[in-house]
Amino acid sequence: MSDRKPDEQLSYEQARAELAQVVERLEAGGTSLEESLALWERGEQLAAACQRSLDGARARIDAARQTAEA
């Protein structure tokens, strides 16, 4: 995971795919406590990035609806 992009440069799809990988690794087990905590923290960051993308998309849809209704 050392060559990853900063969260603000990830597309929704990229963040979601990486989040799925993090979840897979956590569910598989076999990692140290320290590595598990790092994975959990990364998962939280990725989930927040996904939520920001979804919130932005919702705002764009709402703006388009308001424009169409005007």
PDB file of N, CA and C in Angstrom:
ATOM      1  N   MET A   1       0.805  -1.207   0.000  1.00  0.00           N
ATOM      2  CA  MET A   1       0.000   0.000   0.000  1.00  0.00           C
ATOM      3  C   MET A   1       0.849   1.274   0.000  1.00  0.00           C
ATOM      4  N   SER A   2       2.141   1.154  -0.196  1.00  0.00           N
ATOM      5  CA  SER A   2       3.013   2.314  -0.115  1.00  0.00           C
ATOM      6  C   SER A   2       2.893   3.238  -1.313  1.00  0.00           C
ATOM      7  N   ASP A   3       2.407   2.745  -2.455  1.00  0.00           N
ATOM      8  CA  ASP A   3       2.305   3.574  -3.655  1.00  0.00           C
ATOM      9  C   ASP A   3       0.896   4.132  -3.857  1.00  0.00           C
ATOM     10  N   ARG A   4       0.138   4.222  -2.778  1.00  0.00           N
ATOM     11  CA  ARG A   4      -1.242   4.693  -2.898  1.00  0.00           C
ATOM     12  C   ARG A   4      -1.312   6.207  -3.054  1.00  0.00           C
ATOM     13  N   LYS A   5      -2.379   6.648  -3.707  1.00  0.00           N
ATOM     14  CA  LYS A   5      -2.617   8.075  -3.915  1.00  0.00           C
ATOM     15  C   LYS A   5      -3.192   8.676  -2.636  1.00  0.00           C
ATOM     16  N   PRO A   6      -3.007   9.989  -2.447  1.00  0.00           N
ATOM     17  CA  PRO A   6      -3.705  10.638  -1.339  1.00  0.00           C
ATOM     18  C   PRO A   6      -5.214  10.466  -1.523  1.00  0.00           C
ATOM     19  N   ASP A   7      -5.937  10.370  -0.423  1.00  0.00           N
ATOM     20  CA  ASP A   7      -7.370  10.089  -0.478  1.00  0.00           C
ATOM     21  C   ASP A   7      -8.135  11.053  -1.378  1.00  0.00           C
ATOM     22  N   GLU A   8      -7.752  12.325  -1.397  1.00  0.00           N
ATOM     23  CA  GLU A   8      -8.493  13.298  -2.194  1.00  0.00           C
ATOM     24  C   GLU A   8      -8.272  13.098  -3.691  1.00  0.00           C
ATOM     25  N   GLN A   9      -7.267  12.306  -4.079  1.00  0.00           N
ATOM     26  CA  GLN A   9      -7.019  12.048  -5.491  1.00  0.00           C
ATOM     27  C   GLN A   9      -7.626  10.723  -5.956  1.00  0.00           C
ATOM     28  N   LEU A  10      -8.185   9.964  -5.041  1.00  0.00           N
ATOM     29  CA  LEU A  10      -8.798   8.683  -5.401  1.00  0.00           C
ATOM     30  C   LEU A  10     -10.196   8.907  -5.948  1.00  0.00           C
ATOM     31  N   SER A  11     -10.525   8.189  -6.995  1.00  0.00           N
ATOM     32  CA  SER A  11     -11.910   8.200  -7.443  1.00  0.00           C
ATOM     33  C   SER A  11     -12.713   7.370  -6.460  1.00  0.00           C
ATOM     34  N   TYR A  12     -14.025   7.487  -6.545  1.00  0.00           N
ATOM     35  CA  TYR A  12     -14.889   6.674  -5.685  1.00  0.00           C
ATOM     36  C   TYR A  12     -14.594   5.189  -5.900  1.00  0.00           C
ATOM     37  N   GLU A  13     -14.467   4.791  -7.139  1.00  0.00           N
ATOM     38  CA  GLU A  13     -14.237   3.390  -7.470  1.00  0.00           C
ATOM     39  C   GLU A  13     -12.908   2.887  -6.921  1.00  0.00           C
ATOM     40  N   GLN A  14     -11.868   3.733  -6.993  1.00  0.00           N
ATOM     41  CA  GLN A  14     -10.565   3.346  -6.460  1.00  0.00           C
ATOM     42  C   GLN A  14     -10.621   3.185  -4.941  1.00  0.00           C
ATOM     43  N   ALA A  15     -11.256   4.146  -4.268  1.00  0.00           N
ATOM     44  CA  ALA A  15     -11.364   4.085  -2.807  1.00  0.00           C
ATOM     45  C   ALA A  15     -12.177   2.868  -2.374  1.00  0.00           C
ATOM     46  N   ARG A  16     -13.259   2.593  -3.080  1.00  0.00           N
ATOM     47  CA  ARG A  16     -14.113   1.445  -2.746  1.00  0.00           C
ATOM     48  C   ARG A  16     -13.359   0.141  -2.951  1.00  0.00           C
ATOM     49  N   ALA A  17     -12.600   0.039  -4.030  1.00  0.00           N
ATOM     50  CA  ALA A  17     -11.830  -1.183  -4.309  1.00  0.00           C
ATOM     51  C   ALA A  17     -10.763  -1.411  -3.239  1.00  0.00           C
ATOM     52  N   GLU A  18     -10.069  -0.346  -2.864  1.00  0.00           N
ATOM     53  CA  GLU A  18      -9.048  -0.489  -1.817  1.00  0.00           C
ATOM     54  C   GLU A  18      -9.704  -0.842  -0.485  1.00  0.00           C
ATOM     55  N   LEU A  19     -10.849  -0.230  -0.207  1.00  0.00           N
ATOM     56  CA  LEU A  19     -11.570  -0.550   1.026  1.00  0.00           C
ATOM     57  C   LEU A  19     -11.959  -2.027   1.055  1.00  0.00           C
ATOM     58  N   ALA A  20     -12.407  -2.559  -0.064  1.00  0.00           N
ATOM     59  CA  ALA A  20     -12.758  -3.979  -0.137  1.00  0.00           C
ATOM     60  C   ALA A  20     -11.533  -4.850   0.154  1.00  0.00           C
ATOM     61  N   GLN A  21     -10.370  -4.441  -0.332  1.00  0.00           N
ATOM     62  CA  GLN A  21      -9.138  -5.185  -0.060  1.00  0.00           C
ATOM     63  C   GLN A  21      -8.788  -5.152   1.420  1.00  0.00           C
ATOM     64  N   VAL A  22      -8.965  -3.986   2.030  1.00  0.00           N
ATOM     65  CA  VAL A  22      -8.686  -3.844   3.460  1.00  0.00           C
ATOM     66  C   VAL A  22      -9.602  -4.759   4.261  1.00  0.00           C
ATOM     67  N   VAL A  23     -10.876  -4.749   3.939  1.00  0.00           N
ATOM     68  CA  VAL A  23     -11.842  -5.600   4.641  1.00  0.00           C
ATOM     69  C   VAL A  23     -11.473  -7.066   4.468  1.00  0.00           C
ATOM     70  N   GLU A  24     -11.104  -7.447   3.257  1.00  0.00           N
ATOM     71  CA  GLU A  24     -10.690  -8.834   2.981  1.00  0.00           C
ATOM     72  C   GLU A  24      -9.524  -9.253   3.865  1.00  0.00           C
ATOM     73  N   ARG A  25      -8.530  -8.391   3.961  1.00  0.00           N
ATOM     74  CA  ARG A  25      -7.345  -8.705   4.775  1.00  0.00           C
ATOM     75  C   ARG A  25      -7.705  -8.800   6.249  1.00  0.00           C
ATOM     76  N   LEU A  26      -8.572  -7.914   6.716  1.00  0.00           N
ATOM     77  CA  LEU A  26      -8.978  -7.967   8.119  1.00  0.00           C
ATOM     78  C   LEU A  26      -9.778  -9.231   8.411  1.00  0.00           C
ATOM     79  N   GLU A  27     -10.663  -9.594   7.499  1.00  0.00           N
ATOM     80  CA  GLU A  27     -11.478 -10.788   7.694  1.00  0.00           C
ATOM     81  C   GLU A  27     -10.652 -12.060   7.615  1.00  0.00           C
ATOM     82  N   ALA A  28      -9.594 -12.052   6.813  1.00  0.00           N
ATOM     83  CA  ALA A  28      -8.748 -13.233   6.663  1.00  0.00           C
ATOM     84  C   ALA A  28      -7.951 -13.516   7.934  1.00  0.00           C
ATOM     85  N   GLY A  29      -7.685 -12.463   8.703  1.00  0.00           N
ATOM     86  CA  GLY A  29      -6.910 -12.640   9.926  1.00  0.00           C
ATOM     87  C   GLY A  29      -5.446 -12.875   9.617  1.00  0.00           C
ATOM     88  N   GLY A  30      -4.725 -13.311  10.623  1.00  0.00           N
ATOM     89  CA  GLY A  30      -3.313 -13.609  10.440  1.00  0.00           C
ATOM     90  C   GLY A  30      -2.412 -12.399  10.465  1.00  0.00           C
ATOM     91  N   THR A  31      -2.946 -11.238  10.779  1.00  0.00           N
ATOM     92  CA  THR A  31      -2.114 -10.046  10.853  1.00  0.00           C
ATOM     93  C   THR A  31      -1.858  -9.721  12.323  1.00  0.00           C
ATOM     94  N   SER A  32      -0.779  -9.012  12.558  1.00  0.00           N
ATOM     95  CA  SER A  32      -0.458  -8.595  13.915  1.00  0.00           C
ATOM     96  C   SER A  32      -1.461  -7.539  14.369  1.00  0.00           C
ATOM     97  N   LEU A  33      -1.490  -7.299  15.650  1.00  0.00           N
ATOM     98  CA  LEU A  33      -2.377  -6.273  16.188  1.00  0.00           C
ATOM     99  C   LEU A  33      -2.053  -4.921  15.561  1.00  0.00           C
ATOM    100  N   GLU A  34      -0.782  -4.612  15.453  1.00  0.00           N
ATOM    101  CA  GLU A  34      -0.369  -3.316  14.887  1.00  0.00           C
ATOM    102  C   GLU A  34      -0.810  -3.187  13.434  1.00  0.00           C
ATOM    103  N   GLU A  35      -0.626  -4.256  12.660  1.00  0.00           N
ATOM    104  CA  GLU A  35      -1.043  -4.221  11.259  1.00  0.00           C
ATOM    105  C   GLU A  35      -2.564  -4.134  11.146  1.00  0.00           C
ATOM    106  N   SER A  36      -3.264  -4.854  11.997  1.00  0.00           N
ATOM    107  CA  SER A  36      -4.733  -4.800  12.000  1.00  0.00           C
ATOM    108  C   SER A  36      -5.226  -3.397  12.308  1.00  0.00           C
ATOM    109  N   LEU A  37      -4.586  -2.738  13.275  1.00  0.00           N
ATOM    110  CA  LEU A  37      -4.972  -1.358  13.599  1.00  0.00           C
ATOM    111  C   LEU A  37      -4.700  -0.422  12.428  1.00  0.00           C
ATOM    112  N   ALA A  38      -3.568  -0.608  11.761  1.00  0.00           N
ATOM    113  CA  ALA A  38      -3.247   0.227  10.597  1.00  0.00           C
ATOM    114  C   ALA A  38      -4.265  -0.008   9.479  1.00  0.00           C
ATOM    115  N   LEU A  39      -4.634  -1.260   9.269  1.00  0.00           N
ATOM    116  CA  LEU A  39      -5.646  -1.564   8.251  1.00  0.00           C
ATOM    117  C   LEU A  39      -6.984  -0.937   8.618  1.00  0.00           C
ATOM    118  N   TRP A  40      -7.360  -1.035   9.875  1.00  0.00           N
ATOM    119  CA  TRP A  40      -8.628  -0.450  10.330  1.00  0.00           C
ATOM    120  C   TRP A  40      -8.631   1.059  10.089  1.00  0.00           C
ATOM    121  N   GLU A  41      -7.531   1.718  10.452  1.00  0.00           N
ATOM    122  CA  GLU A  41      -7.435   3.171  10.248  1.00  0.00           C
ATOM    123  C   GLU A  41      -7.531   3.516   8.766  1.00  0.00           C
ATOM    124  N   ARG A  42      -6.863   2.742   7.927  1.00  0.00           N
ATOM    125  CA  ARG A  42      -6.928   2.996   6.483  1.00  0.00           C
ATOM    126  C   ARG A  42      -8.350   2.788   5.975  1.00  0.00           C
ATOM    127  N   GLY A  43      -9.004   1.751   6.488  1.00  0.00           N
ATOM    128  CA  GLY A  43     -10.391   1.511   6.115  1.00  0.00           C
ATOM    129  C   GLY A  43     -11.285   2.684   6.471  1.00  0.00           C
ATOM    130  N   GLU A  44     -11.071   3.254   7.648  1.00  0.00           N
ATOM    131  CA  GLU A  44     -11.860   4.425   8.060  1.00  0.00           C
ATOM    132  C   GLU A  44     -11.619   5.602   7.116  1.00  0.00           C
ATOM    133  N   GLN A  45     -10.360   5.808   6.729  1.00  0.00           N
ATOM    134  CA  GLN A  45     -10.036   6.894   5.796  1.00  0.00           C
ATOM    135  C   GLN A  45     -10.708   6.671   4.448  1.00  0.00           C
ATOM    136  N   LEU A  46     -10.654   5.447   3.968  1.00  0.00           N
ATOM    137  CA  LEU A  46     -11.259   5.129   2.669  1.00  0.00           C
ATOM    138  C   LEU A  46     -12.780   5.250   2.718  1.00  0.00           C
ATOM    139  N   ALA A  47     -13.383   4.802   3.813  1.00  0.00           N
ATOM    140  CA  ALA A  47     -14.836   4.933   3.959  1.00  0.00           C
ATOM    141  C   ALA A  47     -15.236   6.408   3.953  1.00  0.00           C
ATOM    142  N   ALA A  48     -14.445   7.243   4.611  1.00  0.00           N
ATOM    143  CA  ALA A  48     -14.733   8.685   4.629  1.00  0.00           C
ATOM    144  C   ALA A  48     -14.580   9.277   3.222  1.00  0.00           C
ATOM    145  N   ALA A  49     -13.571   8.832   2.479  1.00  0.00           N
ATOM    146  CA  ALA A  49     -13.382   9.314   1.101  1.00  0.00           C
ATOM    147  C   ALA A  49     -14.569   8.912   0.233  1.00  0.00           C
ATOM    148  N   CYS A  50     -15.047   7.685   0.405  1.00  0.00           N
ATOM    149  CA  CYS A  50     -16.225   7.237  -0.351  1.00  0.00           C
ATOM    150  C   CYS A  50     -17.438   8.083   0.009  1.00  0.00           C
ATOM    151  N   GLN A  51     -17.618   8.354   1.289  1.00  0.00           N
ATOM    152  CA  GLN A  51     -18.766   9.146   1.723  1.00  0.00           C
ATOM    153  C   GLN A  51     -18.709  10.563   1.158  1.00  0.00           C
ATOM    154  N   ARG A  52     -17.505  11.141   1.121  1.00  0.00           N
ATOM    155  CA  ARG A  52     -17.361  12.481   0.530  1.00  0.00           C
ATOM    156  C   ARG A  52     -17.753  12.462  -0.943  1.00  0.00           C
ATOM    157  N   SER A  53     -17.348  11.431  -1.653  1.00  0.00           N
ATOM    158  CA  SER A  53     -17.707  11.314  -3.075  1.00  0.00           C
ATOM    159  C   SER A  53     -19.218  11.199  -3.240  1.00  0.00           C
ATOM    160  N   LEU A  54     -19.833  10.364  -2.419  1.00  0.00           N
ATOM    161  CA  LEU A  54     -21.282  10.192  -2.505  1.00  0.00           C
ATOM    162  C   LEU A  54     -22.018  11.476  -2.132  1.00  0.00           C
ATOM    163  N   ASP A  55     -21.534  12.171  -1.115  1.00  0.00           N
ATOM    164  CA  ASP A  55     -22.148  13.441  -0.721  1.00  0.00           C
ATOM    165  C   ASP A  55     -22.042  14.467  -1.846  1.00  0.00           C
ATOM    166  N   GLY A  56     -20.878  14.497  -2.514  1.00  0.00           N
ATOM    167  CA  GLY A  56     -20.694  15.412  -3.638  1.00  0.00           C
ATOM    168  C   GLY A  56     -21.631  15.081  -4.791  1.00  0.00           C
ATOM    169  N   ALA A  57     -21.797  13.797  -5.061  1.00  0.00           N
ATOM    170  CA  ALA A  57     -22.709  13.383  -6.129  1.00  0.00           C
ATOM    171  C   ALA A  57     -24.147  13.762  -5.784  1.00  0.00           C
ATOM    172  N   ARG A  58     -24.522  13.564  -4.530  1.00  0.00           N
ATOM    173  CA  ARG A  58     -25.883  13.937  -4.102  1.00  0.00           C
ATOM    174  C   ARG A  58     -26.108  15.440  -4.252  1.00  0.00           C
ATOM    175  N   ALA A  59     -25.112  16.231  -3.898  1.00  0.00           N
ATOM    176  CA  ALA A  59     -25.237  17.688  -4.028  1.00  0.00           C
ATOM    177  C   ALA A  59     -25.398  18.086  -5.494  1.00  0.00           C
ATOM    178  N   ARG A  60     -24.663  17.431  -6.384  1.00  0.00           N
ATOM    179  CA  ARG A  60     -24.785  17.731  -7.814  1.00  0.00           C
ATOM    180  C   ARG A  60     -26.165  17.355  -8.334  1.00  0.00           C
ATOM    181  N   ILE A  61     -26.684  16.220  -7.888  1.00  0.00           N
ATOM    182  CA  ILE A  61     -28.023  15.789  -8.308  1.00  0.00           C
ATOM    183  C   ILE A  61     -29.068  16.770  -7.802  1.00  0.00           C
ATOM    184  N   ASP A  62     -28.953  17.159  -6.534  1.00  0.00           N
ATOM    185  CA  ASP A  62     -29.901  18.115  -5.965  1.00  0.00           C
ATOM    186  C   ASP A  62     -29.870  19.444  -6.718  1.00  0.00           C
ATOM    187  N   ALA A  63     -28.664  19.912  -7.073  1.00  0.00           N
ATOM    188  CA  ALA A  63     -28.523  21.171  -7.804  1.00  0.00           C
ATOM    189  C   ALA A  63     -29.150  21.036  -9.190  1.00  0.00           C
ATOM    190  N   ALA A  64     -28.942  19.901  -9.848  1.00  0.00           N
ATOM    191  CA  ALA A  64     -29.510  19.690 -11.177  1.00  0.00           C
ATOM    192  C   ALA A  64     -31.032  19.647 -11.105  1.00  0.00           C
ATOM    193  N   ARG A  65     -31.569  19.033 -10.079  1.00  0.00           N
ATOM    194  CA  ARG A  65     -33.035  18.980  -9.906  1.00  0.00           C
ATOM    195  C   ARG A  65     -33.597  20.369  -9.691  1.00  0.00           C
ATOM    196  N   GLN A  66     -32.927  21.171  -8.874  1.00  0.00           N
ATOM    197  CA  GLN A  66     -33.405  22.533  -8.625  1.00  0.00           C
ATOM    198  C   GLN A  66     -33.380  23.358  -9.899  1.00  0.00           C
ATOM    199  N   THR A  67     -32.336  23.184 -10.698  1.00  0.00           N
ATOM    200  CA  THR A  67     -32.235  23.904 -11.962  1.00  0.00           C
ATOM    201  C   THR A  67     -33.354  23.466 -12.907  1.00  0.00           C
ATOM    202  N   ALA A  68     -33.622  22.172 -12.946  1.00  0.00           N
ATOM    203  CA  ALA A  68     -34.659  21.649 -13.839  1.00  0.00           C
ATOM    204  C   ALA A  68     -36.049  22.118 -13.411  1.00  0.00           C
ATOM    205  N   GLU A  69     -36.259  22.292 -12.117  1.00  0.00           N
ATOM    206  CA  GLU A  69     -37.566  22.719 -11.607  1.00  0.00           C
ATOM    207  C   GLU A  69     -37.780  24.210 -11.753  1.00  0.00           C
ATOM    208  N   ALA A  70     -36.705  24.952 -11.940  1.00  0.00           N
ATOM    209  CA  ALA A  70     -36.821  26.424 -12.018  1.00  0.00           C
ATOM    210  C   ALA A  70     -37.330  26.898 -13.354  1.00  0.00           C
TER     211      ALA A  70
END
